[in-house]
Protein backbone atom coordinates (compact mmCIF):
# COMPACT_ATOMS: atom_id res chain seq x y z
CA MET A 1 95.77 114.83 89.13
CA ASN A 2 97.61 117.10 91.52
CA THR A 3 98.86 115.23 94.61
CA ARG A 4 101.48 116.22 97.15
CA PHE A 5 102.98 114.13 99.94
CA ALA A 6 105.13 115.74 102.56
CA LEU A 7 106.34 115.74 106.12
CA GLY A 8 105.25 119.16 107.30
CA ALA A 9 105.97 120.90 103.98
CA PRO A 10 104.08 124.17 103.45
CA ILE A 11 101.55 124.32 100.64
CA SER A 12 101.15 127.47 98.58
CA ALA A 13 97.81 129.27 98.52
CA ALA A 14 97.50 128.68 94.78
CA MET A 15 97.87 124.93 95.26
CA SER A 16 95.42 124.75 98.14
CA LYS A 17 92.33 125.75 96.18
CA ALA A 18 89.80 122.87 96.21
CA MET A 19 92.43 120.53 97.62
CA GLN A 20 91.79 117.94 100.33
CA GLN A 21 94.37 117.29 103.04
CA ALA A 22 94.93 114.72 105.76
CA THR A 23 97.79 114.82 108.25
CA CYS A 24 98.97 111.91 110.36
CA SER A 25 99.88 112.49 114.01
CA CYS A 26 103.51 111.77 113.02
CA GLY A 27 103.49 114.77 110.65
CA PHE A 28 103.08 112.93 107.33
CA SER A 29 100.70 114.94 105.17
CA VAL A 30 98.82 114.20 101.95
CA THR A 31 97.19 116.87 99.82
CA SER A 32 95.31 116.13 96.62
CA GLU A 33 92.39 117.25 94.48
CA ASN A 34 91.21 113.64 94.67
CA ARG A 35 89.69 112.47 97.99
CA ASN A 36 90.13 108.83 97.02
CA GLU A 37 93.86 109.40 96.54
CA VAL A 38 94.15 110.97 99.99
CA VAL A 39 92.30 108.02 101.54
CA LYS A 40 94.49 105.47 99.75
CA VAL A 41 97.79 107.14 100.63
CA ILE A 42 96.88 107.68 104.30
CA GLN A 43 95.67 104.07 104.60
CA GLU A 44 98.94 102.82 103.10
CA HIS A 45 100.98 105.11 105.35
CA ALA A 46 99.11 104.00 108.49
CA HIS A 47 99.66 100.35 107.59
CA ASP A 48 103.28 100.59 106.44
CA GLU A 49 104.60 103.05 109.02
CA HIS A 50 102.40 102.42 112.06
CA GLY A 51 101.00 98.89 111.58
CA LYS A 52 97.45 100.26 111.79
CA GLN A 53 94.39 99.67 109.64
CA MET A 54 92.31 102.76 108.88
CA THR A 55 88.87 102.61 107.33
CA ARG A 56 87.78 105.04 104.64
CA ASP A 57 85.54 106.71 107.23
CA ASP A 58 88.52 107.10 109.60
CA VAL A 59 90.47 108.95 106.92
CA LEU A 60 87.51 111.05 105.78
CA ALA A 61 87.00 112.16 109.40
CA MET A 62 90.55 113.52 109.56
CA MET A 63 90.44 115.26 106.16
CA LYS A 64 90.02 118.98 105.72
CA GLN A 65 90.00 121.33 102.78
CA ALA A 66 93.51 122.65 102.28
């Protein structure tokens, strides 16, 4: 599995093929080939860093293909 977590780090074009990405309003970004991994990491980030609960649908709505 290819997963990348970053605060505003650029992602190369080669890495972005078929990747899913979600970015928090604070700048935290998750990019992975696995949608479930993106959902899990963003949910954990929202809880741990912002004290918020995000549903799977919330995260899927903010995801885009990277």
